[in-house]
C-alpha cells in the first residue's frame, strides 16, 4: 500500500536539498568576490591584516608571537616539551605523562603551533571572516608539521560539519585545509568517509566532560564507504584541537569502521602547561 505521506516527504527533502544548493552557490559567489578583492589589494598579514611583502605570510610582529611546535614534542599528543628533555639520550619517540594518563582515541597528533593570540586570529580569519586566502598557506605549514604522519597516510579525512552548519557557514574550513594539505603532500582527500549524523551545540564554553558528551555518537561512517577505508591509515584534518573530544569521536567512528590507524593534523592545538615526558 502506498504511503500517502511519501510525496509530501519527497517535496520537503527536495526543498531542503535546493536550499542547501542555493546557500552553497551564494556562499561560493561571495567567496569569489572576496577573493577578487584580495587580489586587487596589496598583500596583508594572515593575522593582523598589516601590509606584508607577499601573500600568505605573517608580519614580523605577529611571527615573533607565534609559538611554533618543534621537537622535542610528545609523539602521541603533539604537545611541545621543554628543551631540557633533549638530554635524556633517547633516540626513539618521546611520550608525555599526559598521554599515558589520558590516552587519546587517535594514534598521533601534529600541529603547527600552540593555540594563542596569533594562531587564533588566523583560524578566526578563515572561519568567520571569509579570509580564504589564508587556507593554502595554513595547509602548507600543516603539511610540513605533519610530514611524518603524512608519509604513512592512505587518505585525509576532514572533520565534517553538519549540513545545517555548512549551509550557515557556506564552507567547511577543515575541507579547505585538507585540500591544501593534499596539494602539498599528494595524499588524497576522502570527505565522504565520515559524516556528522546529528547537529551538536557549539563546543565553546563547555568543559572536557560536557564536550565529550556533546559529540558522543555524532559521527558515522556510511555503510557504503566501510569497505574502502578498511585497513587504511588515515589522517583527520581540522583547524584546532582543544580538549580532543570532537577528534576522539571522529577517530572512534573511523576505527570502528575498520581503519587501521587514525592520526590527526591541525593548525593549532591548546596546550595546558608543560608535560614531563616518559621515553
Protein backbone atom coordinates (compact mmCIF):
# COMPACT_ATOMS: atom_id res chain seq x y z
CA UNK A 1 0.00 0.00 0.00
CA UNK A 2 1.34 3.44 -0.96
CA UNK A 3 2.29 5.78 1.84
CA UNK A 4 0.17 8.97 1.48
CA UNK A 5 2.92 10.95 3.21
CA UNK A 6 5.63 9.87 0.75
CA UNK A 7 5.03 12.63 -1.87
CA UNK A 8 4.98 15.32 0.83
CA UNK A 9 8.16 13.94 2.36
CA UNK A 10 9.85 13.89 -1.03
CA UNK A 11 8.83 17.51 -1.65
CA UNK A 12 10.25 18.50 1.74
CA UNK A 13 13.52 16.72 1.04
CA UNK A 14 13.67 18.30 -2.40
CA UNK A 15 13.20 21.78 -0.97
CA UNK A 16 15.85 21.10 1.66
CA UNK A 17 18.35 19.98 -0.98
CA UNK A 18 17.50 23.01 -3.11
CA UNK A 19 18.09 25.30 -0.13
CA UNK A 20 21.46 23.71 0.57
CA UNK A 21 22.50 24.06 -3.07
CA UNK A 22 21.34 27.69 -3.20
CA UNK A 23 23.19 28.52 0.00
CA UNK A 24 26.30 26.83 -1.33
CA UNK A 25 26.19 28.76 -4.62
CA UNK A 26 25.57 32.04 -2.82
CA UNK A 27 28.47 31.31 -0.49
CA UNK A 28 30.76 30.45 -3.40
CA UNK A 29 29.83 33.67 -5.16
CA UNK A 30 30.57 35.68 -2.07
CA UNK A 31 33.90 33.92 -1.58
CA UNK A 32 34.91 34.51 -5.21
CA UNK A 33 34.06 38.19 -4.86
CA UNK A 34 36.15 38.41 -1.69
CA UNK A 35 38.98 36.62 -3.49
CA UNK A 36 38.95 39.12 -6.36
CA UNK A 37 39.06 42.00 -3.89
CA UNK A 38 42.02 40.40 -2.12
CA UNK A 39 43.85 40.05 -5.43
CA UNK A 40 43.31 43.71 -6.23
CA UNK A 41 44.66 44.90 -2.87
CA UNK A 42 48.23 44.76 -1.52
CA UNK A 43 49.07 41.54 0.40
CA UNK A 44 48.23 41.62 4.08
CA UNK A 45 49.31 39.67 7.17
CA UNK A 46 47.36 36.46 7.74
CA UNK A 47 46.61 37.51 11.32
CA UNK A 48 46.50 41.29 11.76
CA UNK A 49 45.99 42.48 8.15
CA UNK A 50 49.09 44.70 8.22
CA UNK A 51 50.84 45.17 4.87
CA UNK A 52 53.39 42.45 4.06
CA UNK A 53 55.77 41.76 1.20
CA UNK A 54 53.93 38.79 -0.29
CA UNK A 55 50.61 36.97 0.16
CA UNK A 56 50.19 34.15 2.65
CA UNK A 57 52.67 35.24 5.30
CA UNK A 58 52.81 36.92 8.70
CA UNK A 59 54.19 40.33 9.53
CA UNK A 60 57.31 40.39 11.73
CA UNK A 61 55.49 41.27 14.98
CA UNK A 62 52.91 38.50 14.52
CA UNK A 63 55.58 35.96 13.54
CA UNK A 64 57.54 36.71 16.71
CA UNK A 65 54.46 36.00 18.86
CA UNK A 66 53.68 32.57 17.39
CA UNK A 67 54.84 29.60 19.46
CA UNK A 68 55.64 27.06 16.77
CA UNK A 69 55.72 23.42 17.87
CA UNK A 70 59.08 21.86 17.16
CA UNK A 71 60.95 18.92 18.62
CA UNK A 72 61.04 17.82 21.33
CA UNK A 73 57.30 17.16 21.49
CA UNK A 74 55.11 14.30 22.72
CA UNK A 75 54.82 11.75 19.93
CA UNK A 76 51.17 10.96 20.84
CA UNK A 77 49.69 14.36 21.67
CA UNK A 78 51.99 16.59 19.65
CA UNK A 79 52.39 18.99 22.59
CA UNK A 80 55.76 20.75 23.00
CA UNK A 81 58.19 19.67 25.69
CA UNK A 82 60.91 21.81 27.23
CA UNK A 83 64.32 21.50 25.58
CA UNK A 84 65.93 20.15 28.74
CA UNK A 85 64.44 16.77 27.85
CA UNK A 86 66.73 16.55 24.81
CA UNK A 87 69.43 15.42 27.23
CA UNK A 88 67.57 12.21 28.09
CA UNK A 89 69.63 10.39 25.46
CA UNK A 90 66.71 8.55 23.89
CA UNK A 91 66.65 8.09 20.12
CA UNK A 92 63.03 6.96 19.94
CA UNK A 93 59.74 8.85 20.24
CA UNK A 94 59.11 10.70 23.50
CA UNK A 95 55.68 10.29 25.08
CA UNK A 96 54.39 12.64 27.78
CA UNK A 97 52.81 11.68 31.07
CA UNK A 98 49.60 13.34 29.87
CA UNK A 99 49.35 10.84 27.00
CA UNK A 100 49.68 7.93 29.42
CA UNK A 101 47.25 9.45 31.94
CA UNK A 102 44.55 10.13 29.35
CA UNK A 103 45.38 8.29 26.11
CA UNK A 104 43.52 9.65 23.09
CA UNK A 105 41.49 7.57 20.66
CA UNK A 106 43.77 8.66 17.81
CA UNK A 107 47.33 7.50 17.25
CA UNK A 108 49.43 10.66 16.89
CA UNK A 109 48.66 14.36 16.63
CA UNK A 110 50.69 17.04 14.88
CA UNK A 111 50.14 20.81 14.93
CA UNK A 112 51.89 23.84 13.52
CA UNK A 113 51.63 26.00 16.63
CA UNK A 114 50.29 26.33 20.14
CA UNK A 115 46.86 27.97 20.18
CA UNK A 116 47.47 31.60 21.11
CA UNK A 117 46.56 35.13 20.06
CA UNK A 118 48.06 34.98 16.57
CA UNK A 119 47.08 31.40 15.68
CA UNK A 120 43.56 32.14 16.97
CA UNK A 121 43.33 35.23 14.76
CA UNK A 122 44.41 33.24 11.69
CA UNK A 123 41.86 30.50 12.36
CA UNK A 124 39.09 33.02 13.02
CA UNK A 125 40.01 34.89 9.83
CA UNK A 126 39.41 31.71 7.86
CA UNK A 127 36.27 30.53 9.69
CA UNK A 128 34.42 33.75 10.35
CA UNK A 129 35.85 36.49 8.09
CA UNK A 130 35.89 34.66 4.73
CA UNK A 131 39.69 35.00 4.53
CA UNK A 132 40.03 32.04 2.18
CA UNK A 133 43.45 33.34 1.17
CA UNK A 134 44.88 32.02 4.46
CA UNK A 135 43.77 28.40 3.88
CA UNK A 136 46.56 27.48 1.42
CA UNK A 137 49.48 28.87 3.50
CA UNK A 138 47.99 27.31 6.64
CA UNK A 139 47.80 23.96 4.86
CA UNK A 140 51.40 24.19 3.62
CA UNK A 141 52.59 24.75 7.19
CA UNK A 142 50.44 21.84 8.35
CA UNK A 143 51.95 19.57 5.70
CA UNK A 144 55.44 20.40 6.98
CA UNK A 145 54.45 19.91 10.63
CA UNK A 146 52.82 16.55 9.88
CA UNK A 147 55.33 15.21 7.36
CA UNK A 148 55.97 12.03 9.37
CA UNK A 149 52.32 11.00 9.68
CA UNK A 150 51.51 12.05 6.11
CA UNK A 151 54.29 9.79 4.80
CA UNK A 152 52.32 6.78 6.10
CA UNK A 153 48.81 8.03 5.33
CA UNK A 154 46.46 6.49 2.79
CA UNK A 155 43.89 9.30 2.89
CA UNK A 156 42.99 12.62 4.51
CA UNK A 157 39.59 12.86 6.21
CA UNK A 158 38.38 16.38 7.08
CA UNK A 159 36.26 16.72 10.20
CA UNK A 160 32.75 17.17 8.76
CA UNK A 161 30.19 19.85 9.55
CA UNK A 162 26.50 19.11 9.95
CA UNK A 163 24.61 20.13 6.76
CA UNK A 164 22.81 22.92 8.62
CA UNK A 165 26.09 24.35 9.95
CA UNK A 166 27.62 24.00 6.48
CA UNK A 167 24.70 25.91 4.99
CA UNK A 168 25.13 28.74 7.51
CA UNK A 169 28.93 28.97 7.18
CA UNK A 170 28.90 28.22 3.41
CA UNK A 171 32.12 26.19 3.57
CA UNK A 172 33.91 23.69 5.77
CA UNK A 173 37.26 25.11 6.86
CA UNK A 174 38.57 21.59 7.57
CA UNK A 175 37.83 20.60 3.98
CA UNK A 176 39.71 23.64 2.64
CA UNK A 177 42.70 22.78 4.81
CA UNK A 178 42.58 19.11 3.79
CA UNK A 179 42.64 20.08 0.11
CA UNK A 180 45.66 22.28 0.72
CA UNK A 181 47.46 19.53 2.62
CA UNK A 182 46.63 17.12 -0.23
CA UNK A 183 48.14 19.52 -2.76
CA UNK A 184 51.33 19.77 -0.69
CA UNK A 185 51.66 16.08 0.23
CA UNK A 186 49.98 14.11 -2.53
CA UNK A 187 47.75 12.27 -0.04
CA UNK A 188 44.16 12.14 -1.38
CA UNK A 189 41.16 13.62 0.43
CA UNK A 190 38.16 11.39 1.20
CA UNK A 191 35.49 13.64 2.69
CA UNK A 192 32.77 11.04 2.07
CA UNK A 193 34.26 8.54 4.54
CA UNK A 194 32.97 10.41 7.60
CA UNK A 195 29.65 12.13 8.18
CA UNK A 196 28.19 14.14 11.05
CA UNK A 197 24.95 12.30 11.75
CA UNK A 198 23.38 14.84 14.09
CA UNK A 199 23.71 18.51 14.89
CA UNK A 200 25.52 19.38 18.12
CA UNK A 201 25.66 22.56 20.16
CA UNK A 202 28.87 24.61 19.80
CA UNK A 203 31.69 23.30 21.98
CA UNK A 204 32.78 26.78 23.07
CA UNK A 205 32.32 27.22 26.82
CA UNK A 206 31.86 23.52 27.60
CA UNK A 207 34.24 21.66 29.90
CA UNK A 208 36.00 18.45 28.88
CA UNK A 209 33.26 16.09 30.07
CA UNK A 210 30.47 18.15 28.50
CA UNK A 211 32.34 18.34 25.20
CA UNK A 212 32.75 14.58 25.09
CA UNK A 213 29.07 14.01 25.87
CA UNK A 214 28.02 16.61 23.30
CA UNK A 215 29.72 14.82 20.37
CA UNK A 216 29.28 11.20 21.52
CA UNK A 217 27.86 9.24 18.60
CA UNK A 218 27.64 12.35 16.42
CA UNK A 219 29.87 10.94 13.65
CA UNK A 220 29.33 7.88 11.48
CA UNK A 221 30.98 6.16 8.54
CA UNK A 222 28.41 5.39 5.79
CA UNK A 223 27.99 1.68 5.23
CA UNK A 224 28.88 2.08 1.56
CA UNK A 225 32.30 3.50 2.48
CA UNK A 226 33.43 0.92 5.03
CA UNK A 227 35.00 -1.46 2.53
CA UNK A 228 37.08 1.38 1.03
CA UNK A 229 38.57 2.60 4.29
CA UNK A 230 39.06 -0.79 5.94
CA UNK A 231 42.75 -1.36 6.73
CA UNK A 232 43.78 2.19 5.76
CA UNK A 233 45.97 4.60 7.70
CA UNK A 234 44.03 7.85 7.88
CA UNK A 235 44.80 11.42 8.93
CA UNK A 236 41.97 13.52 10.35
CA UNK A 237 42.29 17.19 9.40
CA UNK A 238 40.89 20.07 11.43
CA UNK A 239 41.75 23.68 12.24
CA UNK A 240 42.27 23.44 16.01
CA UNK A 241 42.50 20.75 18.68
CA UNK A 242 41.27 21.77 22.13
CA UNK A 243 40.23 19.02 24.56
CA UNK A 244 40.19 16.48 21.73
CA UNK A 245 36.54 15.49 22.23
CA UNK A 246 35.50 16.05 18.61
CA UNK A 247 38.66 14.46 17.22
CA UNK A 248 38.28 11.45 19.52
CA UNK A 249 34.65 10.96 18.43
CA UNK A 250 35.73 11.06 14.78
CA UNK A 251 38.66 8.69 15.36
CA UNK A 252 36.44 6.19 17.19
CA UNK A 253 33.92 6.16 14.34
CA UNK A 254 36.67 5.54 11.77
CA UNK A 255 38.34 2.84 13.87
CA UNK A 256 35.03 1.05 14.43
CA UNK A 257 34.53 1.07 10.67
CA UNK A 258 37.84 -0.73 10.17
CA UNK A 259 40.55 1.93 9.80
CA UNK A 260 43.96 0.55 10.69
CA UNK A 261 45.17 3.77 12.29
CA UNK A 262 43.90 7.33 12.68
CA UNK A 263 46.31 10.22 13.18
CA UNK A 264 45.46 13.91 13.48
CA UNK A 265 46.76 17.05 11.78
CA UNK A 266 45.65 20.53 12.87
CA UNK A 267 46.92 24.07 12.51
CA UNK A 268 46.93 24.83 16.25
CA UNK A 269 46.35 22.97 19.46
CA UNK A 270 45.61 24.05 23.01
CA UNK A 271 48.42 23.28 25.45
CA UNK A 272 47.95 23.38 29.22
CA UNK A 273 51.29 23.98 30.92
CA UNK A 274 54.26 21.66 30.44
CA UNK A 275 54.32 17.87 30.46
CA UNK A 276 57.07 15.61 31.71
CA UNK A 277 57.93 13.03 29.05
CA UNK A 278 58.25 9.31 29.54
CA UNK A 279 60.58 7.89 26.91
